[in-house]
């Protein structure tokens, strides 16, 4: 957490002395900052890995339930945004998460940790694609694993992802995001060759 971005985060440094930027890993609904760590660190891609945790508890009213309570699995973890009855991101919570993510990206640029790549899984992928719409100038690439583009009436139809921002949308129905490691590695290698 910093003064600019209030997101709690886990970080791991690149294993080599040559660092090519920062990979920001955005977890799915019901998970936490550790969900994508095995995938991102396992890439050994000469990138720092930063995994922020969504600020919203999935259901704060069950925080006192014992872990063996069957409701725990359905309501545990954290979420980036709420959804409306049609399943679309609810604008206020989605906008708040986008703002927090933008502040994080700006902080990384100021610290010299750019270029910044986003990788998201499910709702984290939807947030990453929203970031590509909202502040593409701060990003060097976006990888969305099993996530949909955000549909927010009055906002998403007015914005388009710039053609020069590399975006990889991986739709494979992964039950474990580590299955996308090969596609993620190929995406990053293509970025570095260009």
Protein backbone atom coordinates (compact mmCIF):
# COMPACT_ATOMS: atom_id res chain seq x y z
CA UNK A 1 0.00 0.00 0.00
CA UNK A 2 1.19 3.52 -0.71
CA UNK A 3 -0.15 7.04 -0.40
CA UNK A 4 -1.21 7.00 -4.05
CA UNK A 5 -2.80 3.54 -4.37
CA UNK A 6 -4.56 2.05 -1.39
CA UNK A 7 -4.40 -1.51 -2.73
CA UNK A 8 -2.69 -4.08 -0.56
CA UNK A 9 -0.21 -6.03 -2.67
CA UNK A 10 2.30 -8.84 -2.81
CA UNK A 11 5.50 -8.32 -4.73
CA UNK A 12 8.33 -10.45 -6.01
CA UNK A 13 11.42 -9.14 -7.76
CA UNK A 14 12.72 -10.40 -11.08
CA UNK A 15 15.18 -13.26 -10.60
CA UNK A 16 17.77 -11.77 -12.95
CA UNK A 17 19.52 -8.41 -12.78
CA UNK A 18 17.82 -7.40 -16.05
CA UNK A 19 14.25 -6.33 -15.34
CA UNK A 20 11.94 -5.69 -18.27
CA UNK A 21 9.16 -4.00 -16.28
CA UNK A 22 6.34 -4.97 -13.99
CA UNK A 23 3.64 -7.60 -14.42
CA UNK A 24 0.56 -6.63 -12.39
CA UNK A 25 -1.55 -9.72 -11.59
CA UNK A 26 -5.29 -9.17 -10.99
CA UNK A 27 -7.06 -12.04 -9.25
CA UNK A 28 -10.56 -13.38 -9.90
CA UNK A 29 -13.69 -12.89 -7.82
CA UNK A 30 -13.45 -14.75 -4.53
CA UNK A 31 -9.67 -15.05 -4.56
CA UNK A 32 -6.89 -12.86 -3.18
CA UNK A 33 -3.50 -11.45 -4.17
CA UNK A 34 -1.86 -14.89 -4.05
CA UNK A 35 -4.02 -16.49 -6.78
CA UNK A 36 -1.85 -15.60 -9.79
CA UNK A 37 1.52 -15.65 -8.01
CA UNK A 38 2.45 -19.22 -9.07
CA UNK A 39 1.59 -18.42 -12.70
CA UNK A 40 3.48 -15.11 -12.86
CA UNK A 41 6.55 -16.08 -10.87
CA UNK A 42 6.79 -19.39 -12.74
CA UNK A 43 7.20 -17.51 -16.04
CA UNK A 44 10.74 -16.45 -15.08
CA UNK A 45 10.21 -13.59 -17.51
CA UNK A 46 12.63 -11.01 -16.09
CA UNK A 47 9.69 -9.01 -14.74
CA UNK A 48 8.87 -7.80 -11.29
CA UNK A 49 5.51 -9.24 -10.26
CA UNK A 50 3.04 -7.16 -8.29
CA UNK A 51 -0.23 -8.71 -7.18
CA UNK A 52 -2.70 -6.22 -5.71
CA UNK A 53 -5.65 -7.45 -3.70
CA UNK A 54 -9.14 -6.10 -4.32
CA UNK A 55 -10.29 -3.82 -1.55
CA UNK A 56 -13.74 -5.39 -1.17
CA UNK A 57 -14.37 -8.44 0.92
CA UNK A 58 -16.69 -10.69 -1.05
CA UNK A 59 -19.10 -10.85 1.86
CA UNK A 60 -18.00 -9.00 4.99
CA UNK A 61 -20.93 -10.37 7.00
CA UNK A 62 -19.51 -13.90 6.94
CA UNK A 63 -16.10 -12.91 8.23
CA UNK A 64 -16.90 -14.51 11.58
CA UNK A 65 -18.20 -17.78 10.10
CA UNK A 66 -16.01 -20.82 10.82
CA UNK A 67 -13.95 -22.02 7.83
CA UNK A 68 -15.84 -25.32 7.68
CA UNK A 69 -19.13 -23.48 7.11
CA UNK A 70 -20.27 -24.36 3.53
CA UNK A 71 -21.09 -20.69 2.92
CA UNK A 72 -17.42 -19.85 3.40
CA UNK A 73 -16.43 -21.23 -0.02
CA UNK A 74 -19.21 -19.28 -1.75
CA UNK A 75 -18.54 -15.97 -0.03
CA UNK A 76 -14.87 -15.98 0.97
CA UNK A 77 -12.14 -13.94 -0.67
CA UNK A 78 -12.20 -10.52 -2.30
CA UNK A 79 -13.80 -8.92 -5.32
CA UNK A 80 -12.91 -6.01 -7.56
CA UNK A 81 -16.48 -4.96 -8.27
CA UNK A 82 -20.10 -5.90 -7.76
CA UNK A 83 -22.35 -6.98 -10.61
CA UNK A 84 -25.85 -5.83 -11.48
CA UNK A 85 -28.82 -8.15 -12.08
CA UNK A 86 -27.80 -8.61 -15.73
CA UNK A 87 -24.28 -9.70 -14.68
CA UNK A 88 -22.58 -6.49 -15.83
CA UNK A 89 -20.02 -4.67 -13.66
CA UNK A 90 -21.74 -2.22 -11.33
CA UNK A 91 -20.38 1.22 -12.37
CA UNK A 92 -19.43 2.68 -8.97
CA UNK A 93 -17.39 -0.26 -7.67
CA UNK A 94 -15.90 -0.93 -11.13
CA UNK A 95 -14.89 2.72 -11.46
CA UNK A 96 -13.36 2.72 -7.99
CA UNK A 97 -11.25 -0.35 -8.79
CA UNK A 98 -10.18 1.20 -12.10
CA UNK A 99 -9.14 4.36 -10.28
CA UNK A 100 -7.09 2.39 -7.75
CA UNK A 101 -5.43 0.44 -10.56
CA UNK A 102 -4.67 3.66 -12.46
CA UNK A 103 -3.03 5.13 -9.36
CA UNK A 104 -0.92 1.98 -9.03
CA UNK A 105 0.15 2.21 -12.70
CA UNK A 106 1.08 5.88 -12.28
CA UNK A 107 3.08 5.03 -9.16
CA UNK A 108 4.97 2.31 -11.05
CA UNK A 109 5.81 4.74 -13.85
CA UNK A 110 7.04 7.35 -11.37
CA UNK A 111 9.27 4.77 -9.64
CA UNK A 112 10.77 3.70 -12.97
CA UNK A 113 9.13 0.28 -12.88
CA UNK A 114 7.62 0.64 -16.37
CA UNK A 115 6.69 -0.86 -18.75
CA UNK A 116 3.56 -2.12 -17.01
CA UNK A 117 1.76 -5.25 -18.18
CA UNK A 118 -1.56 -6.37 -16.72
CA UNK A 119 -2.61 -9.99 -16.47
CA UNK A 120 -6.07 -10.73 -15.12
CA UNK A 121 -8.11 -13.84 -14.49
CA UNK A 122 -11.91 -13.80 -14.81
CA UNK A 123 -13.09 -10.60 -13.03
CA UNK A 124 -9.46 -9.50 -12.88
CA UNK A 125 -9.39 -9.89 -16.68
CA UNK A 126 -12.51 -7.73 -17.00
CA UNK A 127 -10.80 -5.09 -14.86
CA UNK A 128 -7.63 -5.31 -16.98
CA UNK A 129 -9.67 -4.85 -20.17
CA UNK A 130 -11.39 -1.87 -18.52
CA UNK A 131 -7.95 -0.42 -17.78
CA UNK A 132 -7.08 -0.80 -21.47
CA UNK A 133 -10.13 1.35 -22.22
CA UNK A 134 -9.58 3.90 -19.44
CA UNK A 135 -5.82 4.54 -19.34
CA UNK A 136 -4.05 2.73 -22.20
CA UNK A 137 -1.21 5.26 -22.19
CA UNK A 138 0.05 3.76 -18.91
CA UNK A 139 0.09 0.15 -20.17
CA UNK A 140 2.40 -1.83 -22.40
CA UNK A 141 0.13 -4.84 -22.75
CA UNK A 142 -2.90 -6.63 -21.31
CA UNK A 143 -3.52 -10.36 -20.98
CA UNK A 144 -7.10 -11.31 -20.09
CA UNK A 145 -7.66 -14.94 -19.08
CA UNK A 146 -11.29 -16.07 -19.22
CA UNK A 147 -12.71 -12.59 -18.71
CA UNK A 148 -15.21 -10.53 -20.65
CA UNK A 149 -14.87 -6.94 -21.77
CA UNK A 150 -16.72 -4.65 -19.38
CA UNK A 151 -20.21 -3.60 -20.43
CA UNK A 152 -21.13 -0.44 -18.60
CA UNK A 153 -23.95 1.55 -20.21
CA UNK A 154 -22.84 5.01 -21.27
CA UNK A 155 -19.13 4.28 -20.81
CA UNK A 156 -17.80 1.16 -22.50
CA UNK A 157 -19.43 1.82 -25.87
CA UNK A 158 -17.76 5.25 -26.02
CA UNK A 159 -14.25 3.88 -25.60
CA UNK A 160 -12.17 1.52 -27.69
CA UNK A 161 -8.92 -0.21 -26.89
CA UNK A 162 -6.26 1.53 -28.98
CA UNK A 163 -4.97 -0.57 -31.86
CA UNK A 164 -1.37 -0.03 -30.74
CA UNK A 165 -1.96 -1.51 -27.26
CA UNK A 166 -1.27 -5.26 -27.41
CA UNK A 167 -4.16 -7.18 -25.86
CA UNK A 168 -4.39 -10.96 -25.64
CA UNK A 169 -7.77 -12.40 -24.69
CA UNK A 170 -7.43 -16.05 -23.72
CA UNK A 171 -10.76 -17.86 -23.53
CA UNK A 172 -10.16 -21.44 -22.57
CA UNK A 173 -12.34 -22.00 -19.52
CA UNK A 174 -9.38 -22.60 -17.22
CA UNK A 175 -10.22 -23.88 -13.77
CA UNK A 176 -6.64 -23.04 -12.86
CA UNK A 177 -5.08 -19.94 -14.45
CA UNK A 178 -1.67 -21.66 -14.59
CA UNK A 179 -2.95 -23.44 -17.70
CA UNK A 180 -2.47 -20.13 -19.53
CA UNK A 181 1.29 -20.00 -18.79
CA UNK A 182 2.32 -20.88 -22.34
CA UNK A 183 0.06 -18.26 -23.94
CA UNK A 184 1.21 -15.65 -21.43
CA UNK A 185 4.89 -16.41 -22.08
CA UNK A 186 4.35 -16.22 -25.87
CA UNK A 187 2.56 -12.87 -25.53
CA UNK A 188 5.42 -11.35 -23.54
CA UNK A 189 8.06 -12.71 -25.91
CA UNK A 190 6.20 -11.22 -28.90
CA UNK A 191 6.11 -7.86 -27.10
CA UNK A 192 9.84 -7.92 -26.46
CA UNK A 193 10.67 -8.84 -30.06
CA UNK A 194 8.66 -5.93 -31.47
